[in-house]
Amino acid sequence: MRNIRLKLQYDGTNYAGWQIQKNAATIQGHLEKILLIITGENSRITGAGRTDAGVHALEQIAVFRTESYMGAEVFCRAINAHLPPDIRLLDAKDCPPEFHPRYDAKSKTYSYIISGLGAYSVFLERYSWNLRCRLDTDAMKEAADYLTGRHDFSSFRASGCNSKNPVREITGIEISAADSIGFLDFRLDVPAIKISITANAFLRHMVRNIIGTLVEAGRMRFPPAHIKEILDAKDRRIAGRTAPACGLFLEKIVY
């Protein structure tokens, strides 16, 4: 039995997330159907991150087991031949049988794009949260400082999260603002903010709930130090709204 490691990229707009569902299109569901066609085996694919509906991935890592003798490069070409255009396999290779894409990950980085801020571009509608207001990025950065480190993130976890332990460690939050953003080979004169969060692991909707709360800080609806009170409360109702899924990208996984 072989272990095959996959590196994937996808636009999550048209999918109900990574995890397979009975009556909805998912990334995992597409891949498992294709493997059945290629190998005749009912293979279960395990991903590093269970991205939610509408969330994108620049780098998703997954693994499956097979008895096929097909070379990894042949797997890559065969899978891509059956995938829809908004999912692409970047790489496939054999890996040790004990490799687990989720539990072996040392860190994951999710990035979020906020656009608009007084301007608008139709080309960013699928890939950003379009806000029609200005944000104080200095206040957002100060608020983000209270989130770094090891904390109980119960105030930022969604209901239905099945993780037994709400403690996570955020090793870095980077917030950068620009007056324009690149799209394909064009420059869109639309102010944008990119927020990148790196942690050892994440709770369900944790990143989107953090983004929504940082936006509230950027709108000066509470002082940055209030983030500490939100953490201490361990109550989801105290934090900000859940940011839309369209602006979120699983950017990088480190092993």
Protein backbone atom coordinates (compact mmCIF):
# COMPACT_ATOMS: atom_id res chain seq x y z
CA MET A 1 0.00 0.00 0.00
CA ARG A 2 1.37 3.40 -1.03
CA ASN A 3 0.83 6.86 0.39
CA ILE A 4 0.46 9.61 -2.22
CA ARG A 5 0.83 13.25 -1.18
CA LEU A 6 -0.98 15.91 -3.21
CA LYS A 7 -0.52 19.67 -3.40
CA LEU A 8 -3.72 21.40 -4.51
CA GLN A 9 -4.99 24.84 -5.42
CA TYR A 10 -8.65 25.79 -5.77
CA ASP A 11 -11.18 28.57 -6.06
CA GLY A 12 -13.74 27.69 -3.40
CA THR A 13 -16.54 29.91 -4.72
CA ASN A 14 -18.64 27.11 -6.16
CA TYR A 15 -18.04 24.53 -3.42
CA ALA A 16 -19.54 23.69 -0.04
CA GLY A 17 -16.04 23.46 1.40
CA TRP A 18 -13.39 20.75 1.52
CA GLN A 19 -15.19 18.01 3.42
CA ILE A 20 -17.37 15.57 1.51
CA GLN A 21 -21.15 16.06 1.78
CA LYS A 22 -24.01 13.97 0.45
CA ASN A 23 -25.87 16.63 -1.51
CA ALA A 24 -23.26 19.27 -2.29
CA ALA A 25 -20.15 19.66 -4.41
CA THR A 26 -16.93 19.61 -2.35
CA ILE A 27 -13.21 19.44 -3.10
CA GLN A 28 -12.76 16.12 -1.29
CA GLY A 29 -15.83 14.70 -3.03
CA HIS A 30 -14.50 15.56 -6.50
CA LEU A 31 -11.10 14.03 -5.77
CA GLU A 32 -12.47 10.78 -4.35
CA LYS A 33 -14.78 10.29 -7.35
CA ILE A 34 -11.84 10.83 -9.70
CA LEU A 35 -9.64 8.34 -7.82
CA LEU A 36 -12.39 5.74 -8.12
CA ILE A 37 -12.42 6.29 -11.89
CA ILE A 38 -8.63 6.12 -12.19
CA THR A 39 -7.81 3.25 -9.80
CA GLY A 40 -11.11 1.45 -9.20
CA GLU A 41 -10.51 1.95 -5.47
CA ASN A 42 -12.68 3.74 -2.91
CA SER A 43 -9.87 5.89 -1.53
CA ARG A 44 -10.36 8.34 1.31
CA ILE A 45 -8.45 11.60 0.86
CA THR A 46 -7.36 13.42 4.01
CA GLY A 47 -6.65 17.16 3.79
CA ALA A 48 -4.51 19.42 5.95
CA GLY A 49 -7.31 21.95 6.39
CA ARG A 50 -11.08 21.58 6.20
CA THR A 51 -11.73 24.84 4.39
CA ASP A 52 -15.31 26.10 4.64
CA ALA A 53 -17.76 26.82 1.86
CA GLY A 54 -16.46 29.62 -0.36
CA VAL A 55 -12.91 29.57 1.06
CA HIS A 56 -10.01 29.31 -1.39
CA ALA A 57 -6.65 27.55 -1.21
CA LEU A 58 -3.34 28.58 -2.73
CA GLU A 59 -1.75 25.53 -1.12
CA GLN A 60 -3.75 22.64 0.28
CA ILE A 61 -1.97 19.40 1.15
CA ALA A 62 -3.78 16.06 1.05
CA VAL A 63 -2.91 12.36 1.09
CA PHE A 64 -4.49 9.08 0.03
CA ARG A 65 -3.54 5.41 0.14
CA THR A 66 -3.57 3.18 -2.93
CA GLU A 67 -2.46 -0.22 -4.18
CA SER A 68 -2.02 1.16 -7.70
CA TYR A 69 1.43 0.98 -9.31
CA MET A 70 0.75 4.16 -11.29
CA GLY A 71 3.59 6.66 -10.97
CA ALA A 72 3.00 9.83 -8.97
CA GLU A 73 3.50 12.04 -12.04
CA VAL A 74 0.98 9.94 -13.95
CA PHE A 75 -1.46 10.35 -11.05
CA CYS A 76 -1.01 14.10 -11.31
CA ARG A 77 -1.81 14.20 -15.03
CA ALA A 78 -4.71 11.77 -14.74
CA ILE A 79 -6.35 13.61 -11.85
CA ASN A 80 -5.98 17.00 -13.54
CA ALA A 81 -7.56 15.59 -16.70
CA HIS A 82 -10.77 14.92 -14.74
CA LEU A 83 -10.83 17.98 -12.45
CA PRO A 84 -13.01 21.02 -13.13
CA PRO A 85 -11.09 24.20 -14.07
CA ASP A 86 -11.41 25.76 -10.60
CA ILE A 87 -9.46 22.93 -8.94
CA ARG A 88 -5.88 22.13 -9.91
CA LEU A 89 -3.37 19.55 -8.70
CA LEU A 90 0.06 21.20 -8.56
CA ASP A 91 2.11 18.20 -7.50
CA ALA A 92 1.87 14.52 -6.52
CA LYS A 93 4.54 12.36 -4.93
CA ASP A 94 5.01 9.26 -2.81
CA CYS A 95 5.42 9.90 0.92
CA PRO A 96 6.00 7.80 4.06
CA PRO A 97 2.99 5.77 5.26
CA GLU A 98 2.97 7.57 8.62
CA PHE A 99 2.62 11.05 7.06
CA HIS A 100 -0.55 12.89 8.10
CA PRO A 101 -1.20 16.24 6.39
CA ARG A 102 -3.12 17.69 9.33
CA TYR A 103 -1.36 16.40 12.44
CA ASP A 104 2.17 16.67 11.04
CA ALA A 105 1.75 20.33 10.09
CA LYS A 106 3.90 22.65 12.20
CA SER A 107 1.98 25.75 11.16
CA LYS A 108 -0.67 27.01 8.75
CA THR A 109 -1.09 30.49 7.34
CA TYR A 110 -4.46 31.85 6.29
CA SER A 111 -4.64 35.21 4.53
CA TYR A 112 -7.63 37.48 4.10
CA ILE A 113 -8.20 40.27 1.57
CA ILE A 114 -10.32 43.32 2.35
CA SER A 115 -10.95 45.58 -0.65
CA GLY A 116 -13.00 48.64 -1.46
CA LEU A 117 -12.48 50.96 1.51
CA GLY A 118 -14.31 53.63 -0.49
CA ALA A 119 -13.60 52.26 -3.99
CA TYR A 120 -14.83 49.16 -5.81
CA SER A 121 -13.73 46.64 -8.44
CA VAL A 122 -15.93 43.92 -9.91
CA PHE A 123 -12.86 41.72 -10.37
CA LEU A 124 -12.33 41.39 -6.61
CA GLU A 125 -15.91 40.48 -5.77
CA ARG A 126 -15.16 36.74 -5.60
CA TYR A 127 -11.91 37.07 -3.67
CA SER A 128 -12.31 39.81 -1.06
CA TRP A 129 -14.59 41.42 1.48
CA ASN A 130 -15.62 44.69 -0.13
CA LEU A 131 -16.07 47.37 2.53
CA ARG A 132 -17.25 50.88 1.74
CA CYS A 133 -15.47 52.46 4.69
CA ARG A 134 -11.96 53.39 5.77
CA LEU A 135 -10.18 51.33 8.43
CA ASP A 136 -7.51 52.44 10.89
CA THR A 137 -4.83 49.83 10.26
CA ASP A 138 -2.73 51.06 13.20
CA ALA A 139 -5.63 50.24 15.54
CA MET A 140 -6.03 46.86 13.85
CA LYS A 141 -2.34 46.07 14.31
CA GLU A 142 -2.48 47.05 17.97
CA ALA A 143 -5.55 44.87 18.49
CA ALA A 144 -3.85 41.96 16.67
CA ASP A 145 -0.93 42.10 19.12
CA TYR A 146 -3.25 40.93 21.90
CA LEU A 147 -4.12 37.82 19.87
CA THR A 148 -0.60 36.57 19.30
CA GLY A 149 0.65 33.86 21.61
CA ARG A 150 -1.08 30.91 23.23
CA HIS A 151 -4.69 31.60 24.24
CA ASP A 152 -8.09 30.06 24.73
CA PHE A 153 -9.87 31.18 21.55
CA SER A 154 -13.40 30.17 22.62
CA SER A 155 -14.62 33.71 21.80
CA PHE A 156 -13.54 33.15 18.19
CA ARG A 157 -14.80 29.60 17.59
CA ALA A 158 -18.02 28.86 15.73
CA SER A 159 -20.87 26.88 17.22
CA GLY A 160 -20.64 23.26 16.18
CA CYS A 161 -16.83 23.24 16.42
CA ASN A 162 -15.93 19.69 17.47
CA SER A 163 -12.44 20.47 18.75
CA LYS A 164 -12.11 19.38 22.38
CA ASN A 165 -9.43 21.94 23.22
CA PRO A 166 -10.01 25.63 22.31
CA VAL A 167 -6.39 26.60 23.06
CA ARG A 168 -4.33 27.57 20.01
CA GLU A 169 -1.07 29.44 19.48
CA ILE A 170 -0.90 32.28 16.98
CA THR A 171 2.73 32.92 16.08
CA GLY A 172 2.14 35.94 13.89
CA ILE A 173 -0.44 38.34 12.44
CA GLU A 174 0.68 40.59 9.61
CA ILE A 175 -1.52 43.47 8.40
CA SER A 176 -0.49 45.38 5.30
CA ALA A 177 -2.33 48.09 3.38
CA ALA A 178 -1.89 49.30 -0.19
CA ASP A 179 -3.53 51.87 -2.47
CA SER A 180 -3.87 49.31 -5.26
CA ILE A 181 -3.82 45.58 -5.83
CA GLY A 182 -2.50 43.44 -8.66
CA PHE A 183 -4.93 41.28 -10.62
CA LEU A 184 -3.52 39.04 -13.39
CA ASP A 185 -1.14 41.53 -15.07
CA PHE A 186 -3.26 44.57 -14.29
CA ARG A 187 -3.22 47.14 -11.52
CA LEU A 188 -6.56 47.84 -9.87
CA ASP A 189 -6.61 51.23 -8.16
CA VAL A 190 -8.62 49.92 -5.24
CA PRO A 191 -7.28 50.27 -1.68
CA ALA A 192 -6.81 46.86 -0.08
CA ILE A 193 -5.73 45.31 3.20
CA LYS A 194 -4.16 41.87 3.53
CA ILE A 195 -4.27 40.15 6.90
CA SER A 196 -2.16 36.99 7.32
CA ILE A 197 -2.53 34.81 10.41
CA THR A 198 -0.12 31.97 11.22
CA ALA A 199 -0.87 29.44 13.96
CA ASN A 200 -0.18 25.87 14.96
CA ALA A 201 -3.85 25.05 14.24
CA PHE A 202 -7.22 26.78 13.96
CA LEU A 203 -10.72 26.33 15.34
CA ARG A 204 -13.78 26.37 13.11
CA HIS A 205 -14.30 29.89 11.67
CA MET A 206 -11.54 31.16 13.95
CA VAL A 207 -9.79 33.20 11.26
CA ARG A 208 -12.99 34.74 9.89
CA ASN A 209 -14.15 35.63 13.40
CA ILE A 210 -10.80 37.25 14.15
CA ILE A 211 -10.98 39.22 10.89
CA GLY A 212 -14.48 40.45 11.69
CA THR A 213 -13.31 41.57 15.13
CA LEU A 214 -10.21 43.33 13.79
CA VAL A 215 -12.44 45.21 11.33
CA GLU A 216 -14.51 46.44 14.28
CA ALA A 217 -11.29 47.70 15.89
CA GLY A 218 -10.35 49.36 12.58
CA ARG A 219 -13.69 51.13 12.52
CA MET A 220 -12.90 52.44 16.02
CA ARG A 221 -15.93 50.76 17.54
CA PHE A 222 -13.83 49.69 20.53
CA PRO A 223 -10.26 50.36 21.69
CA PRO A 224 -7.63 47.79 20.67
CA ALA A 225 -7.09 46.69 24.29
CA HIS A 226 -10.70 45.43 24.34
CA ILE A 227 -9.41 42.33 22.52
CA LYS A 228 -8.02 41.10 25.85
CA GLU A 229 -11.50 41.33 27.40
CA ILE A 230 -12.94 39.40 24.45
CA LEU A 231 -10.38 36.62 24.93
CA ASP A 232 -10.99 36.46 28.66
CA ALA A 233 -14.77 36.28 28.21
CA LYS A 234 -14.55 32.98 26.26
CA ASP A 235 -17.90 33.90 24.73
CA ARG A 236 -18.47 34.04 20.96
CA ARG A 237 -21.19 36.67 21.40
CA ILE A 238 -18.63 39.19 22.66
CA ALA A 239 -16.43 39.15 19.53
CA GLY A 240 -17.15 40.72 16.12
CA ARG A 241 -19.09 39.33 13.19
CA THR A 242 -17.87 36.45 11.03
CA ALA A 243 -16.15 37.84 7.94
CA PRO A 244 -17.44 36.56 4.57
CA ALA A 245 -15.74 33.40 3.30
CA CYS A 246 -14.88 34.85 -0.13
CA GLY A 247 -11.86 36.81 1.11
CA LEU A 248 -10.13 33.90 2.85
CA PHE A 249 -7.25 31.86 1.43
CA LEU A 250 -5.37 28.90 2.89
CA GLU A 251 -1.99 30.25 1.84
CA LYS A 252 0.76 28.06 3.24
CA ILE A 253 1.37 24.92 5.34
CA VAL A 254 4.75 24.22 6.94
CA TYR A 255 5.89 20.70 7.89
